[in-house]
Amino acid sequence: MRNLGFGKPPVSVGDVREVKIVAMGSGGDGIAKVNGFVVFVPGTKVGDDVKIKVTKVLKKFAFAEVVE
């Protein structure tokens, strides 16, 4: 039986990824998705293509910061 979204997150703390911001969270953070997994990125807006570094990973979502 498949594990439906409750397996290991596809990102880890310290990962650097190139992502596109696809939505805005209720708190104003941009939202990117990595293999369907939500990553909140403060200081971004929908349509931004950014390089991020993952700072915190929880079971259902993660947080990241923009890096140059």
Protein backbone atom coordinates (compact mmCIF):
# COMPACT_ATOMS: atom_id res chain seq x y z
CA MET A 1 0.00 0.00 0.00
CA ARG A 2 1.28 3.47 -0.91
CA ASN A 3 2.11 5.99 1.76
CA LEU A 4 -0.07 8.93 0.67
CA GLY A 5 1.97 12.02 1.49
CA PHE A 6 3.07 11.00 4.96
CA GLY A 7 6.52 9.72 4.08
CA LYS A 8 9.83 11.50 4.36
CA PRO A 9 9.69 15.12 3.13
CA PRO A 10 11.51 15.66 -0.20
CA VAL A 11 13.66 18.43 1.33
CA SER A 12 16.09 18.60 4.25
CA VAL A 13 17.45 21.49 6.31
CA GLY A 14 20.30 23.07 4.36
CA ASP A 15 19.06 22.02 0.90
CA VAL A 16 19.47 24.69 -1.77
CA ARG A 17 16.89 24.62 -4.58
CA GLU A 18 15.74 26.74 -7.51
CA VAL A 19 11.96 27.19 -7.17
CA LYS A 20 9.06 29.22 -8.52
CA ILE A 21 6.67 30.92 -6.10
CA VAL A 22 3.23 29.58 -7.04
CA ALA A 23 0.96 31.04 -4.33
CA MET A 24 0.82 33.26 -1.26
CA GLY A 25 0.26 31.99 2.28
CA SER A 26 -2.19 33.65 4.66
CA GLY A 27 0.73 35.18 6.55
CA GLY A 28 2.09 36.81 3.40
CA ASP A 29 4.89 34.31 2.71
CA GLY A 30 5.38 33.02 -0.81
CA ILE A 31 4.68 29.33 -1.37
CA ALA A 32 6.82 27.08 -3.55
CA LYS A 33 6.34 23.36 -4.07
CA VAL A 34 9.05 20.70 -4.25
CA ASN A 35 7.56 17.43 -5.53
CA GLY A 36 4.19 18.67 -4.25
CA PHE A 37 5.61 19.49 -0.80
CA VAL A 38 4.84 23.05 0.40
CA VAL A 39 7.76 25.35 1.21
CA PHE A 40 7.07 28.81 2.70
CA VAL A 41 9.48 31.54 1.52
CA PRO A 42 9.19 34.99 3.19
CA GLY A 43 9.82 38.11 1.13
CA THR A 44 8.68 36.66 -2.19
CA LYS A 45 5.66 37.04 -4.45
CA VAL A 46 3.79 34.85 -6.95
CA GLY A 47 5.81 34.35 -10.13
CA ASP A 48 9.23 34.90 -8.55
CA ASP A 49 11.95 32.43 -9.58
CA VAL A 50 14.29 32.22 -6.59
CA LYS A 51 17.12 30.19 -5.12
CA ILE A 52 16.21 29.09 -1.60
CA LYS A 53 17.91 27.40 1.34
CA VAL A 54 15.68 25.24 3.53
CA THR A 55 15.79 26.36 7.18
CA LYS A 56 13.16 24.19 8.89
CA VAL A 57 11.30 21.01 7.87
CA LEU A 58 8.09 19.79 9.46
CA LYS A 59 5.91 16.80 8.49
CA LYS A 60 3.64 18.64 6.05
CA PHE A 61 5.61 21.74 5.05
CA ALA A 62 8.96 23.52 5.29
CA PHE A 63 10.39 27.01 5.61
CA ALA A 64 13.21 28.50 3.53
CA GLU A 65 15.05 31.75 2.93
CA VAL A 66 16.12 33.33 -0.34
CA VAL A 67 19.85 33.05 -1.07
CA GLU A 68 21.85 34.80 -3.78
